[in-house]
């Protein structure tokens, strides 16, 4: 499924950016993959990418033209997801921001502080 995202205006007359090519989400036998087809990086966080022993939120940078297994099948069961300041997080969700990162290494601590982001809610495995 392709999810093209177009730029939006951050301030009058100042576009954030455009994401020609967008991204593609693909369900494969080993999980859900994101393919970055844009000219800008995307940043991804998922319960299955986090270290279950750590309280630190892990956000992965996916450069243009690269892909990442963002939700590994079977790994989400029993995941303990760190609580964030933005409230509870669905254990079957993936958060993606476009061009701007967030987390401990950035000035934006929460994905909700990024100018352009989506939360993808995945149906639980049956």
PDB file of N, CA and C in Angstrom:
ATOM      1  N   UNK A   1       0.841  -1.147   0.000  1.00  0.00           N
ATOM      2  CA  UNK A   1       0.000   0.000   0.000  1.00  0.00           C
ATOM      3  C   UNK A   1       0.896   1.221   0.000  1.00  0.00           C
ATOM      4  N   UNK A   2       0.712   2.104  -0.909  1.00  0.00           N
ATOM      5  CA  UNK A   2       1.505   3.330  -0.986  1.00  0.00           C
ATOM      6  C   UNK A   2       0.811   4.422  -0.194  1.00  0.00           C
ATOM      7  N   UNK A   3       1.574   5.212   0.520  1.00  0.00           N
ATOM      8  CA  UNK A   3       1.022   6.292   1.321  1.00  0.00           C
ATOM      9  C   UNK A   3       1.777   7.576   1.009  1.00  0.00           C
ATOM     10  N   UNK A   4       1.472   8.200  -0.152  1.00  0.00           N
ATOM     11  CA  UNK A   4       2.186   9.432  -0.474  1.00  0.00           C
ATOM     12  C   UNK A   4       1.798  10.544   0.491  1.00  0.00           C
ATOM     13  N   UNK A   5       2.764  11.318   0.886  1.00  0.00           N
ATOM     14  CA  UNK A   5       2.537  12.427   1.797  1.00  0.00           C
ATOM     15  C   UNK A   5       3.049  13.672   1.109  1.00  0.00           C
ATOM     16  N   UNK A   6       2.216  14.700   1.069  1.00  0.00           N
ATOM     17  CA  UNK A   6       2.639  15.952   0.458  1.00  0.00           C
ATOM     18  C   UNK A   6       3.032  16.922   1.544  1.00  0.00           C
ATOM     19  N   UNK A   7       3.858  17.898   1.173  1.00  0.00           N
ATOM     20  CA  UNK A   7       4.308  18.880   2.143  1.00  0.00           C
ATOM     21  C   UNK A   7       3.154  19.668   2.709  1.00  0.00           C
ATOM     22  N   UNK A   8       3.365  20.213   3.874  1.00  0.00           N
ATOM     23  CA  UNK A   8       2.364  21.073   4.470  1.00  0.00           C
ATOM     24  C   UNK A   8       3.040  22.365   4.872  1.00  0.00           C
ATOM     25  N   UNK A   9       2.269  23.352   5.202  1.00  0.00           N
ATOM     26  CA  UNK A   9       2.822  24.659   5.507  1.00  0.00           C
ATOM     27  C   UNK A   9       3.045  24.773   7.013  1.00  0.00           C
ATOM     28  N   UNK A  10       4.285  25.027   7.424  1.00  0.00           N
ATOM     29  CA  UNK A  10       4.612  25.191   8.835  1.00  0.00           C
ATOM     30  C   UNK A  10       4.305  26.612   9.292  1.00  0.00           C
ATOM     31  N   UNK A  11       4.557  27.567   8.440  1.00  0.00           N
ATOM     32  CA  UNK A  11       4.274  28.975   8.698  1.00  0.00           C
ATOM     33  C   UNK A  11       3.869  29.571   7.355  1.00  0.00           C
ATOM     34  N   UNK A  12       3.163  30.673   7.358  1.00  0.00           N
ATOM     35  CA  UNK A  12       2.726  31.243   6.081  1.00  0.00           C
ATOM     36  C   UNK A  12       3.879  31.385   5.090  1.00  0.00           C
ATOM     37  N   UNK A  13       3.747  30.734   3.944  1.00  0.00           N
ATOM     38  CA  UNK A  13       4.729  30.845   2.877  1.00  0.00           C
ATOM     39  C   UNK A  13       5.974  29.976   3.043  1.00  0.00           C
ATOM     40  N   UNK A  14       6.048  29.159   4.110  1.00  0.00           N
ATOM     41  CA  UNK A  14       7.223  28.306   4.341  1.00  0.00           C
ATOM     42  C   UNK A  14       6.823  26.840   4.343  1.00  0.00           C
ATOM     43  N   UNK A  15       6.910  26.161   3.199  1.00  0.00           N
ATOM     44  CA  UNK A  15       6.564  24.737   3.192  1.00  0.00           C
ATOM     45  C   UNK A  15       7.609  23.922   3.937  1.00  0.00           C
ATOM     46  N   UNK A  16       7.165  22.884   4.644  1.00  0.00           N
ATOM     47  CA  UNK A  16       8.093  22.016   5.364  1.00  0.00           C
ATOM     48  C   UNK A  16       8.936  21.264   4.349  1.00  0.00           C
ATOM     49  N   UNK A  17       8.324  20.499   3.488  1.00  0.00           N
ATOM     50  CA  UNK A  17       9.003  19.762   2.425  1.00  0.00           C
ATOM     51  C   UNK A  17       7.950  18.963   1.675  1.00  0.00           C
ATOM     52  N   UNK A  18       8.355  18.331   0.585  1.00  0.00           N
ATOM     53  CA  UNK A  18       7.435  17.414  -0.087  1.00  0.00           C
ATOM     54  C   UNK A  18       8.066  16.032  -0.068  1.00  0.00           C
ATOM     55  N   UNK A  19       7.244  15.038  -0.145  1.00  0.00           N
ATOM     56  CA  UNK A  19       7.714  13.667  -0.077  1.00  0.00           C
ATOM     57  C   UNK A  19       7.331  12.933  -1.352  1.00  0.00           C
ATOM     58  N   UNK A  20       7.943  13.374  -2.469  1.00  0.00           N
ATOM     59  CA  UNK A  20       7.692  12.711  -3.734  1.00  0.00           C
ATOM     60  C   UNK A  20       8.089  11.249  -3.600  1.00  0.00           C
ATOM     61  N   UNK A  21       7.206  10.364  -3.993  1.00  0.00           N
ATOM     62  CA  UNK A  21       7.470   8.932  -3.879  1.00  0.00           C
ATOM     63  C   UNK A  21       6.878   8.335  -2.628  1.00  0.00           C
ATOM     64  N   UNK A  22       6.808   9.099  -1.535  1.00  0.00           N
ATOM     65  CA  UNK A  22       6.190   8.645  -0.304  1.00  0.00           C
ATOM     66  C   UNK A  22       6.859   7.432   0.305  1.00  0.00           C
ATOM     67  N   UNK A  23       6.039   6.581   0.880  1.00  0.00           N
ATOM     68  CA  UNK A  23       6.529   5.346   1.470  1.00  0.00           C
ATOM     69  C   UNK A  23       5.564   4.225   1.142  1.00  0.00           C
ATOM     70  N   UNK A  24       6.047   3.009   1.280  1.00  0.00           N
ATOM     71  CA  UNK A  24       5.221   1.833   1.050  1.00  0.00           C
ATOM     72  C   UNK A  24       5.300   0.942   2.277  1.00  0.00           C
ATOM     73  N   UNK A  25       4.142   0.484   2.748  1.00  0.00           N
ATOM     74  CA  UNK A  25       4.081  -0.509   3.815  1.00  0.00           C
ATOM     75  C   UNK A  25       3.739  -1.840   3.173  1.00  0.00           C
ATOM     76  N   UNK A  26       4.457  -2.878   3.570  1.00  0.00           N
ATOM     77  CA  UNK A  26       4.247  -4.186   2.965  1.00  0.00           C
ATOM     78  C   UNK A  26       4.245  -5.270   4.040  1.00  0.00           C
ATOM     79  N   UNK A  27       3.170  -6.071   4.083  1.00  0.00           N
ATOM     80  CA  UNK A  27       3.130  -7.196   5.016  1.00  0.00           C
ATOM     81  C   UNK A  27       3.776  -8.400   4.359  1.00  0.00           C
ATOM     82  N   UNK A  28       4.835  -8.886   4.964  1.00  0.00           N
ATOM     83  CA  UNK A  28       5.605 -10.028   4.464  1.00  0.00           C
ATOM     84  C   UNK A  28       5.519 -11.150   5.498  1.00  0.00           C
ATOM     85  N   UNK A  29       5.972 -12.372   5.161  1.00  0.00           N
ATOM     86  CA  UNK A  29       5.917 -13.473   6.130  1.00  0.00           C
ATOM     87  C   UNK A  29       6.648 -13.184   7.449  1.00  0.00           C
ATOM     88  N   UNK A  30       7.699 -12.356   7.412  1.00  0.00           N
ATOM     89  CA  UNK A  30       8.461 -12.081   8.631  1.00  0.00           C
ATOM     90  C   UNK A  30       8.053 -10.791   9.341  1.00  0.00           C
ATOM     91  N   UNK A  31       7.037 -10.103   8.852  1.00  0.00           N
ATOM     92  CA  UNK A  31       6.562  -8.894   9.516  1.00  0.00           C
ATOM     93  C   UNK A  31       6.132  -7.827   8.534  1.00  0.00           C
ATOM     94  N   UNK A  32       6.039  -6.604   9.031  1.00  0.00           N
ATOM     95  CA  UNK A  32       5.634  -5.457   8.213  1.00  0.00           C
ATOM     96  C   UNK A  32       6.882  -4.624   7.927  1.00  0.00           C
ATOM     97  N   UNK A  33       7.095  -4.325   6.666  1.00  0.00           N
ATOM     98  CA  UNK A  33       8.257  -3.554   6.217  1.00  0.00           C
ATOM     99  C   UNK A  33       7.802  -2.188   5.730  1.00  0.00           C
ATOM    100  N   UNK A  34       8.652  -1.184   5.941  1.00  0.00           N
ATOM    101  CA  UNK A  34       8.430   0.134   5.355  1.00  0.00           C
ATOM    102  C   UNK A  34       9.546   0.364   4.346  1.00  0.00           C
ATOM    103  N   UNK A  35       9.176   0.848   3.180  1.00  0.00           N
ATOM    104  CA  UNK A  35      10.114   1.195   2.112  1.00  0.00           C
ATOM    105  C   UNK A  35      10.038   2.708   1.926  1.00  0.00           C
ATOM    106  N   UNK A  36      11.144   3.392   2.148  1.00  0.00           N
ATOM    107  CA  UNK A  36      11.184   4.844   2.010  1.00  0.00           C
ATOM    108  C   UNK A  36      11.470   5.187   0.554  1.00  0.00           C
ATOM    109  N   UNK A  37      10.470   5.652  -0.150  1.00  0.00           N
ATOM    110  CA  UNK A  37      10.589   5.984  -1.567  1.00  0.00           C
ATOM    111  C   UNK A  37      10.732   7.497  -1.790  1.00  0.00           C
ATOM    112  N   UNK A  38      10.866   8.238  -0.712  1.00  0.00           N
ATOM    113  CA  UNK A  38      10.963   9.697  -0.826  1.00  0.00           C
ATOM    114  C   UNK A  38      12.418  10.144  -0.942  1.00  0.00           C
ATOM    115  N   UNK A  39      12.607  11.455  -1.026  1.00  0.00           N
ATOM    116  CA  UNK A  39      13.943  12.037  -1.087  1.00  0.00           C
ATOM    117  C   UNK A  39      14.426  12.491   0.291  1.00  0.00           C
ATOM    118  N   UNK A  40      13.634  12.252   1.323  1.00  0.00           N
ATOM    119  CA  UNK A  40      13.976  12.644   2.689  1.00  0.00           C
ATOM    120  C   UNK A  40      13.937  11.427   3.597  1.00  0.00           C
ATOM    121  N   UNK A  41      14.668  11.465   4.711  1.00  0.00           N
ATOM    122  CA  UNK A  41      14.607  10.325   5.630  1.00  0.00           C
ATOM    123  C   UNK A  41      13.256  10.257   6.334  1.00  0.00           C
ATOM    124  N   UNK A  42      12.919   9.070   6.795  1.00  0.00           N
ATOM    125  CA  UNK A  42      11.776   8.907   7.683  1.00  0.00           C
ATOM    126  C   UNK A  42      12.323   8.350   9.000  1.00  0.00           C
ATOM    127  N   UNK A  43      11.579   8.540  10.072  1.00  0.00           N
ATOM    128  CA  UNK A  43      11.986   8.083  11.400  1.00  0.00           C
ATOM    129  C   UNK A  43      10.868   7.205  11.945  1.00  0.00           C
ATOM    130  N   UNK A  44      11.245   6.043  12.489  1.00  0.00           N
ATOM    131  CA  UNK A  44      10.256   5.024  12.855  1.00  0.00           C
ATOM    132  C   UNK A  44      10.471   4.545  14.282  1.00  0.00           C
ATOM    133  N   UNK A  45       9.356   4.358  14.997  1.00  0.00           N
ATOM    134  CA  UNK A  45       9.378   3.706  16.300  1.00  0.00           C
ATOM    135  C   UNK A  45       8.274   2.667  16.335  1.00  0.00           C
ATOM    136  N   UNK A  46       8.590   1.508  16.905  1.00  0.00           N
ATOM    137  CA  UNK A  46       7.642   0.397  16.999  1.00  0.00           C
ATOM    138  C   UNK A  46       7.978  -0.406  18.252  1.00  0.00           C
ATOM    139  N   UNK A  47       6.974  -0.995  18.908  1.00  0.00           N
ATOM    140  CA  UNK A  47       7.262  -1.821  20.086  1.00  0.00           C
ATOM    141  C   UNK A  47       8.219  -2.972  19.783  1.00  0.00           C
ATOM    142  N   UNK A  48       8.186  -3.525  18.580  1.00  0.00           N
ATOM    143  CA  UNK A  48       9.065  -4.662  18.280  1.00  0.00           C
ATOM    144  C   UNK A  48      10.490  -4.232  17.948  1.00  0.00           C
ATOM    145  N   UNK A  49      10.716  -2.933  17.772  1.00  0.00           N
ATOM    146  CA  UNK A  49      12.070  -2.430  17.536  1.00  0.00           C
ATOM    147  C   UNK A  49      12.758  -2.027  18.836  1.00  0.00           C
ATOM    148  N   UNK A  50      11.968  -1.822  19.891  1.00  0.00           N
ATOM    149  CA  UNK A  50      12.527  -1.404  21.173  1.00  0.00           C
ATOM    150  C   UNK A  50      13.169  -2.579  21.896  1.00  0.00           C
ATOM    151  N   UNK A  51      14.154  -2.276  22.713  1.00  0.00           N
ATOM    152  CA  UNK A  51      14.783  -3.263  23.577  1.00  0.00           C
ATOM    153  C   UNK A  51      13.869  -3.444  24.789  1.00  0.00           C
ATOM    154  N   UNK A  52      13.352  -4.667  25.027  1.00  0.00           N
ATOM    155  CA  UNK A  52      12.413  -4.861  26.135  1.00  0.00           C
ATOM    156  C   UNK A  52      13.037  -4.597  27.511  1.00  0.00           C
ATOM    157  N   UNK A  53      14.358  -4.644  27.605  1.00  0.00           N
ATOM    158  CA  UNK A  53      15.045  -4.401  28.883  1.00  0.00           C
ATOM    159  C   UNK A  53      15.336  -2.923  29.120  1.00  0.00           C
ATOM    160  N   UNK A  54      15.086  -2.090  28.138  1.00  0.00           N
ATOM    161  CA  UNK A  54      15.430  -0.675  28.230  1.00  0.00           C
ATOM    162  C   UNK A  54      14.179   0.173  28.396  1.00  0.00           C
ATOM    163  N   UNK A  55      14.327   1.291  29.077  1.00  0.00           N
ATOM    164  CA  UNK A  55      13.229   2.250  29.200  1.00  0.00           C
ATOM    165  C   UNK A  55      13.376   3.369  28.172  1.00  0.00           C
ATOM    166  N   UNK A  56      14.440   3.302  27.384  1.00  0.00           N
ATOM    167  CA  UNK A  56      14.708   4.328  26.381  1.00  0.00           C
ATOM    168  C   UNK A  56      13.955   4.013  25.097  1.00  0.00           C
ATOM    169  N   UNK A  57      13.299   5.008  24.562  1.00  0.00           N
ATOM    170  CA  UNK A  57      12.591   4.893  23.302  1.00  0.00           C
ATOM    171  C   UNK A  57      13.598   4.858  22.158  1.00  0.00           C
ATOM    172  N   UNK A  58      13.512   3.852  21.301  1.00  0.00           N
ATOM    173  CA  UNK A  58      14.416   3.758  20.151  1.00  0.00           C
ATOM    174  C   UNK A  58      13.697   4.228  18.897  1.00  0.00           C
ATOM    175  N   UNK A  59      14.287   5.192  18.220  1.00  0.00           N
ATOM    176  CA  UNK A  59      13.741   5.721  16.970  1.00  0.00           C
ATOM    177  C   UNK A  59      14.784   5.455  15.895  1.00  0.00           C
ATOM    178  N   UNK A  60      14.359   4.818  14.809  1.00  0.00           N
ATOM    179  CA  UNK A  60      15.270   4.437  13.732  1.00  0.00           C
ATOM    180  C   UNK A  60      15.118   5.386  12.555  1.00  0.00           C
ATOM    181  N   UNK A  61      16.246   5.817  12.013  1.00  0.00           N
ATOM    182  CA  UNK A  61      16.268   6.665  10.814  1.00  0.00           C
ATOM    183  C   UNK A  61      16.358   5.743   9.606  1.00  0.00           C
ATOM    184  N   UNK A  62      15.443   5.919   8.658  1.00  0.00           N
ATOM    185  CA  UNK A  62      15.446   5.141   7.415  1.00  0.00           C
ATOM    186  C   UNK A  62      15.757   6.115   6.280  1.00  0.00           C
ATOM    187  N   UNK A  63      16.966   6.049   5.722  1.00  0.00           N
ATOM    188  CA  UNK A  63      17.343   6.986   4.659  1.00  0.00           C
ATOM    189  C   UNK A  63      16.515   6.759   3.389  1.00  0.00           C
ATOM    190  N   UNK A  64      16.512   7.743   2.487  1.00  0.00           N
ATOM    191  CA  UNK A  64      15.818   7.581   1.207  1.00  0.00           C
ATOM    192  C   UNK A  64      16.333   6.338   0.475  1.00  0.00           C
ATOM    193  N   UNK A  65      15.416   5.575  -0.089  1.00  0.00           N
ATOM    194  CA  UNK A  65      15.780   4.387  -0.854  1.00  0.00           C
ATOM    195  C   UNK A  65      16.035   3.144  -0.021  1.00  0.00           C
ATOM    196  N   UNK A  66      15.868   3.219   1.295  1.00  0.00           N
ATOM    197  CA  UNK A  66      16.121   2.084   2.173  1.00  0.00           C
ATOM    198  C   UNK A  66      14.814   1.548   2.763  1.00  0.00           C
ATOM    199  N   UNK A  67      14.917   0.378   3.418  1.00  0.00           N
ATOM    200  CA  UNK A  67      13.740  -0.227   4.032  1.00  0.00           C
ATOM    201  C   UNK A  67      14.095  -0.738   5.424  1.00  0.00           C
ATOM    202  N   UNK A  68      13.062  -1.045   6.213  1.00  0.00           N
ATOM    203  CA  UNK A  68      13.250  -1.537   7.574  1.00  0.00           C
ATOM    204  C   UNK A  68      12.052  -2.406   7.947  1.00  0.00           C
ATOM    205  N   UNK A  69      12.326  -3.542   8.597  1.00  0.00           N
ATOM    206  CA  UNK A  69      11.255  -4.379   9.140  1.00  0.00           C
ATOM    207  C   UNK A  69      10.780  -3.686  10.411  1.00  0.00           C
ATOM    208  N   UNK A  70       9.629  -3.023  10.341  1.00  0.00           N
ATOM    209  CA  UNK A  70       9.180  -2.169  11.439  1.00  0.00           C
ATOM    210  C   UNK A  70       8.282  -2.884  12.441  1.00  0.00           C
ATOM    211  N   UNK A  71       7.798  -4.058  12.091  1.00  0.00           N
ATOM    212  CA  UNK A  71       6.939  -4.797  13.028  1.00  0.00           C
ATOM    213  C   UNK A  71       7.136  -6.278  12.783  1.00  0.00           C
ATOM    214  N   UNK A  72       7.888  -6.917  13.668  1.00  0.00           N
ATOM    215  CA  UNK A  72       8.235  -8.317  13.483  1.00  0.00           C
ATOM    216  C   UNK A  72       7.144  -9.228  14.018  1.00  0.00           C
ATOM    217  N   UNK A  73       6.703 -10.121  13.153  1.00  0.00           N
ATOM    218  CA  UNK A  73       5.617 -11.038  13.483  1.00  0.00           C
ATOM    219  C   UNK A  73       5.970 -11.852  14.731  1.00  0.00           C
ATOM    220  N   UNK A  74       5.044 -11.906  15.671  1.00  0.00           N
ATOM    221  CA  UNK A  74       5.226 -12.692  16.877  1.00  0.00           C
ATOM    222  C   UNK A  74       6.012 -12.012  17.980  1.00  0.00           C
ATOM    223  N   UNK A  75       6.769 -10.984  17.659  1.00  0.00           N
ATOM    224  CA  UNK A  75       7.596 -10.323  18.661  1.00  0.00           C
ATOM    225  C   UNK A  75       6.804  -9.350  19.527  1.00  0.00           C
ATOM    226  N   UNK A  76       5.640  -8.923  19.060  1.00  0.00           N
ATOM    227  CA  UNK A  76       4.868  -7.935  19.812  1.00  0.00           C
ATOM    228  C   UNK A  76       4.172  -8.538  21.017  1.00  0.00           C
ATOM    229  N   UNK A  77       3.968  -9.841  21.060  1.00  0.00           N
ATOM    230  CA  UNK A  77       3.296 -10.467  22.184  1.00  0.00           C
ATOM    231  C   UNK A  77       4.128 -10.274  23.437  1.00  0.00           C
ATOM    232  N   UNK A  78       3.525  -9.679  24.438  1.00  0.00           N
ATOM    233  CA  UNK A  78       4.218  -9.481  25.707  1.00  0.00           C
ATOM    234  C   UNK A  78       5.211  -8.333  25.711  1.00  0.00           C
ATOM    235  N   UNK A  79       5.233  -7.509  24.662  1.00  0.00           N
ATOM    236  CA  UNK A  79       6.146  -6.364  24.648  1.00  0.00           C
ATOM    237  C   UNK A  79       5.760  -5.394  25.756  1.00  0.00           C
ATOM    238  N   UNK A  80       6.709  -4.937  26.483  1.00  0.00           N
ATOM    239  CA  UNK A  80       6.435  -3.862  27.427  1.00  0.00           C
ATOM    240  C   UNK A  80       6.891  -2.576  26.759  1.00  0.00           C
ATOM    241  N   UNK A  81       5.971  -1.727  26.472  1.00  0.00           N
ATOM    242  CA  UNK A  81       6.259  -0.498  25.749  1.00  0.00           C
ATOM    243  C   UNK A  81       6.399   0.635  26.746  1.00  0.00           C
ATOM    244  N   UNK A  82       7.492   1.388  26.689  1.00  0.00           N
ATOM    245  CA  UNK A  82       7.654   2.485  27.652  1.00  0.00           C
ATOM    246  C   UNK A  82       6.551   3.525  27.499  1.00  0.00           C
ATOM    247  N   UNK A  83       6.026   3.981  28.609  1.00  0.00           N
ATOM    248  CA  UNK A  83       5.016   5.033  28.569  1.00  0.00           C
ATOM    249  C   UNK A  83       5.688   6.332  28.163  1.00  0.00           C
ATOM    250  N   UNK A  84       5.048   7.057  27.305  1.00  0.00           N
ATOM    251  CA  UNK A  84       5.597   8.338  26.864  1.00  0.00           C
ATOM    252  C   UNK A  84       4.714   9.457  27.380  1.00  0.00           C
ATOM    253  N   UNK A  85       5.191  10.672  27.277  1.00  0.00           N
ATOM    254  CA  UNK A  85       4.426  11.819  27.726  1.00  0.00           C
ATOM    255  C   UNK A  85       3.175  12.052  26.906  1.00  0.00           C
ATOM    256  N   UNK A  86       3.077  11.438  25.714  1.00  0.00           N
ATOM    257  CA  UNK A  86       1.918  11.662  24.856  1.00  0.00           C
ATOM    258  C   UNK A  86       0.789  10.689  25.155  1.00  0.00           C
ATOM    259  N   UNK A  87       0.883   9.933  26.248  1.00  0.00           N
ATOM    260  CA  UNK A  87      -0.198   9.036  26.640  1.00  0.00           C
ATOM    261  C   UNK A  87       0.093   7.602  26.280  1.00  0.00           C
ATOM    262  N   UNK A  88      -0.911   6.742  26.483  1.00  0.00           N
ATOM    263  CA  UNK A  88      -0.699   5.320  26.209  1.00  0.00           C
ATOM    264  C   UNK A  88      -0.470   5.062  24.730  1.00  0.00           C
ATOM    265  N   UNK A  89       0.277   4.009  24.440  1.00  0.00           N
ATOM    266  CA  UNK A  89       0.596   3.652  23.068  1.00  0.00           C
ATOM    267  C   UNK A  89       0.068   2.253  22.792  1.00  0.00           C
ATOM    268  N   UNK A  90      -0.621   2.084  21.685  1.00  0.00           N
ATOM    269  CA  UNK A  90      -1.127   0.766  21.292  1.00  0.00           C
ATOM    270  C   UNK A  90       0.057  -0.148  21.003  1.00  0.00           C
ATOM    271  N   UNK A  91       0.088  -1.370  21.559  1.00  0.00           N
ATOM    272  CA  UNK A  91       1.233  -2.261  21.315  1.00  0.00           C
ATOM    273  C   UNK A  91       1.333  -2.761  19.876  1.00  0.00           C
ATOM    274  N   UNK A  92       0.299  -2.511  19.064  1.00  0.00           N
ATOM    275  CA  UNK A  92       0.320  -2.882  17.651  1.00  0.00           C
ATOM    276  C   UNK A  92       0.420  -1.648  16.759  1.00  0.00           C
ATOM    277  N   UNK A  93       1.055  -0.599  17.268  1.00  0.00           N
ATOM    278  CA  UNK A  93       1.162   0.637  16.487  1.00  0.00           C
ATOM    279  C   UNK A  93       2.600   0.908  16.087  1.00  0.00           C
ATOM    280  N   UNK A  94       2.738   1.662  15.019  1.00  0.00           N
ATOM    281  CA  UNK A  94       4.033   2.109  14.516  1.00  0.00           C
ATOM    282  C   UNK A  94       3.909   3.608  14.281  1.00  0.00           C
ATOM    283  N   UNK A  95       4.871   4.361  14.768  1.00  0.00           N
ATOM    284  CA  UNK A  95       4.863   5.814  14.570  1.00  0.00           C
ATOM    285  C   UNK A  95       5.962   6.179  13.587  1.00  0.00           C
ATOM    286  N   UNK A  96       5.593   6.990  12.597  1.00  0.00           N
ATOM    287  CA  UNK A  96       6.517   7.387  11.531  1.00  0.00           C
ATOM    288  C   UNK A  96       6.461   8.910  11.382  1.00  0.00           C
ATOM    289  N   UNK A  97       7.633   9.550  11.398  1.00  0.00           N
ATOM    290  CA  UNK A  97       7.688  10.983  11.099  1.00  0.00           C
ATOM    291  C   UNK A  97       8.481  11.170   9.816  1.00  0.00           C
ATOM    292  N   UNK A  98       8.197  12.251   9.142  1.00  0.00           N
ATOM    293  CA  UNK A  98       8.783  12.535   7.846  1.00  0.00           C
ATOM    294  C   UNK A  98       9.789  13.677   7.960  1.00  0.00           C
ATOM    295  N   UNK A  99      11.047  13.397   7.659  1.00  0.00           N
ATOM    296  CA  UNK A  99      12.156  14.360   7.601  1.00  0.00           C
ATOM    297  C   UNK A  99      12.674  14.836   8.957  1.00  0.00           C
ATOM    298  N   UNK A 100      11.895  14.732  10.010  1.00  0.00           N
ATOM    299  CA  UNK A 100      12.330  15.199  11.333  1.00  0.00           C
ATOM    300  C   UNK A 100      12.271  14.046  12.330  1.00  0.00           C
ATOM    301  N   UNK A 101      13.355  13.867  13.079  1.00  0.00           N
ATOM    302  CA  UNK A 101      13.412  12.813  14.078  1.00  0.00           C
ATOM    303  C   UNK A 101      12.923  13.294  15.435  1.00  0.00           C
ATOM    304  N   UNK A 102      12.777  12.337  16.363  1.00  0.00           N
ATOM    305  CA  UNK A 102      12.394  12.664  17.729  1.00  0.00           C
ATOM    306  C   UNK A 102      13.038  11.644  18.664  1.00  0.00           C
ATOM    307  N   UNK A 103      12.962  11.909  19.941  1.00  0.00           N
ATOM    308  CA  UNK A 103      13.506  10.991  20.932  1.00  0.00           C
ATOM    309  C   UNK A 103      14.623  11.620  21.738  1.00  0.00           C
ATOM    310  N   UNK A 104      15.334  10.804  22.525  1.00  0.00           N
ATOM    311  CA  UNK A 104      16.349  11.314  23.447  1.00  0.00           C
ATOM    312  C   UNK A 104      17.472  12.115  22.778  1.00  0.00           C
ATOM    313  N   UNK A 105      17.783  11.837  21.517  1.00  0.00           N
ATOM    314  CA  UNK A 105      18.897  12.514  20.839  1.00  0.00           C
ATOM    315  C   UNK A 105      18.465  13.783  20.099  1.00  0.00           C
ATOM    316  N   UNK A 106      17.191  14.141  20.187  1.00  0.00           N
ATOM    317  CA  UNK A 106      16.659  15.274  19.425  1.00  0.00           C
ATOM    318  C   UNK A 106      16.008  16.292  20.359  1.00  0.00           C
ATOM    319  N   UNK A 107      15.828  17.498  19.862  1.00  0.00           N
ATOM    320  CA  UNK A 107      15.130  18.513  20.649  1.00  0.00           C
ATOM    321  C   UNK A 107      13.646  18.158  20.786  1.00  0.00           C
ATOM    322  N   UNK A 108      13.114  17.415  19.821  1.00  0.00           N
ATOM    323  CA  UNK A 108      11.721  16.964  19.883  1.00  0.00           C
ATOM    324  C   UNK A 108      11.701  15.622  20.626  1.00  0.00           C
ATOM    325  N   UNK A 109      11.160  15.591  21.814  1.00  0.00           N
ATOM    326  CA  UNK A 109      11.146  14.374  22.620  1.00  0.00           C
ATOM    327  C   UNK A 109      10.003  13.440  22.234  1.00  0.00           C
ATOM    328  N   UNK A 110       8.926  13.981  21.693  1.00  0.00           N
ATOM    329  CA  UNK A 110       7.747  13.205  21.333  1.00  0.00           C
ATOM    330  C   UNK A 110       7.470  13.319  19.837  1.00  0.00           C
ATOM    331  N   UNK A 111       6.922  12.271  19.259  1.00  0.00           N
ATOM    332  CA  UNK A 111       6.580  12.304  17.831  1.00  0.00           C
ATOM    333  C   UNK A 111       5.564  13.402  17.547  1.00  0.00           C
ATOM    334  N   UNK A 112       4.729  13.715  18.532  1.00  0.00           N
ATOM    335  CA  UNK A 112       3.704  14.743  18.338  1.00  0.00           C
ATOM    336  C   UNK A 112       4.315  16.136  18.169  1.00  0.00           C
ATOM    337  N   UNK A 113       5.608  16.281  18.467  1.00  0.00           N
ATOM    338  CA  UNK A 113       6.301  17.562  18.258  1.00  0.00           C
ATOM    339  C   UNK A 113       6.835  17.704  16.836  1.00  0.00           C
ATOM    340  N   UNK A 114       6.798  16.623  16.064  1.00  0.00           N
ATOM    341  CA  UNK A 114       7.279  16.664  14.677  1.00  0.00           C
ATOM    342  C   UNK A 114       6.227  17.327  13.791  1.00  0.00           C
ATOM    343  N   UNK A 115       6.659  18.053  12.768  1.00  0.00           N
ATOM    344  CA  UNK A 115       5.695  18.763  11.917  1.00  0.00           C
ATOM    345  C   UNK A 115       4.801  17.843  11.080  1.00  0.00           C
ATOM    346  N   UNK A 116       5.289  16.644  10.734  1.00  0.00           N
ATOM    347  CA  UNK A 116       4.496  15.761   9.877  1.00  0.00           C
ATOM    348  C   UNK A 116       4.756  14.310  10.307  1.00  0.00           C
ATOM    349  N   UNK A 117       3.717  13.630  10.823  1.00  0.00           N
ATOM    350  CA  UNK A 117       3.889  12.261  11.311  1.00  0.00           C
ATOM    351  C   UNK A 117       2.569  11.505  11.207  1.00  0.00           C
ATOM    352  N   UNK A 118       2.675  10.187  11.231  1.00  0.00           N
ATOM    353  CA  UNK A 118       1.488   9.326  11.222  1.00  0.00           C
ATOM    354  C   UNK A 118       1.686   8.219  12.244  1.00  0.00           C
ATOM    355  N   UNK A 119       0.588   7.697  12.751  1.00  0.00           N
ATOM    356  CA  UNK A 119       0.605   6.506  13.586  1.00  0.00           C
ATOM    357  C   UNK A 119      -0.199   5.445  12.850  1.00  0.00           C
ATOM    358  N   UNK A 120       0.446   4.334  12.568  1.00  0.00           N
ATOM    359  CA  UNK A 120      -0.190   3.230  11.847  1.00  0.00           C
ATOM    360  C   UNK A 120      -0.616   2.191  12.876  1.00  0.00           C
ATOM    361  N   UNK A 121      -1.909   1.892  12.917  1.00  0.00           N
ATOM    362  CA  UNK A 121      -2.419   0.873  13.831  1.00  0.00           C
ATOM    363  C   UNK A 121      -2.584  -0.423  13.057  1.00  0.00           C
ATOM    364  N   UNK A 122      -1.886  -1.449  13.496  1.00  0.00           N
ATOM    365  CA  UNK A 122      -1.910  -2.740  12.817  1.00  0.00           C
ATOM    366  C   UNK A 122      -2.890  -3.674  13.526  1.00  0.00           C
ATOM    367  N   UNK A 123      -3.609  -4.473  12.735  1.00  0.00           N
ATOM    368  CA  UNK A 123      -4.512  -5.455  13.323  1.00  0.00           C
ATOM    369  C   UNK A 123      -3.677  -6.551  13.978  1.00  0.00           C
ATOM    370  N   UNK A 124      -4.066  -7.017  15.176  1.00  0.00           N
ATOM    371  CA  UNK A 124      -3.305  -8.098  15.817  1.00  0.00           C
ATOM    372  C   UNK A 124      -3.294  -9.345  14.946  1.00  0.00           C
ATOM    373  N   UNK A 125      -2.205 -10.132  15.051  1.00  0.00           N
ATOM    374  CA  UNK A 125      -2.112 -11.381  14.302  1.00  0.00           C
ATOM    375  C   UNK A 125      -3.182 -12.342  14.787  1.00  0.00           C
ATOM    376  N   UNK A 126      -3.751 -13.089  13.846  1.00  0.00           N
ATOM    377  CA  UNK A 126      -4.763 -14.090  14.218  1.00  0.00           C
ATOM    378  C   UNK A 126      -4.230 -15.455  13.930  1.00  0.00           C
TER     379      UNK A 126
END
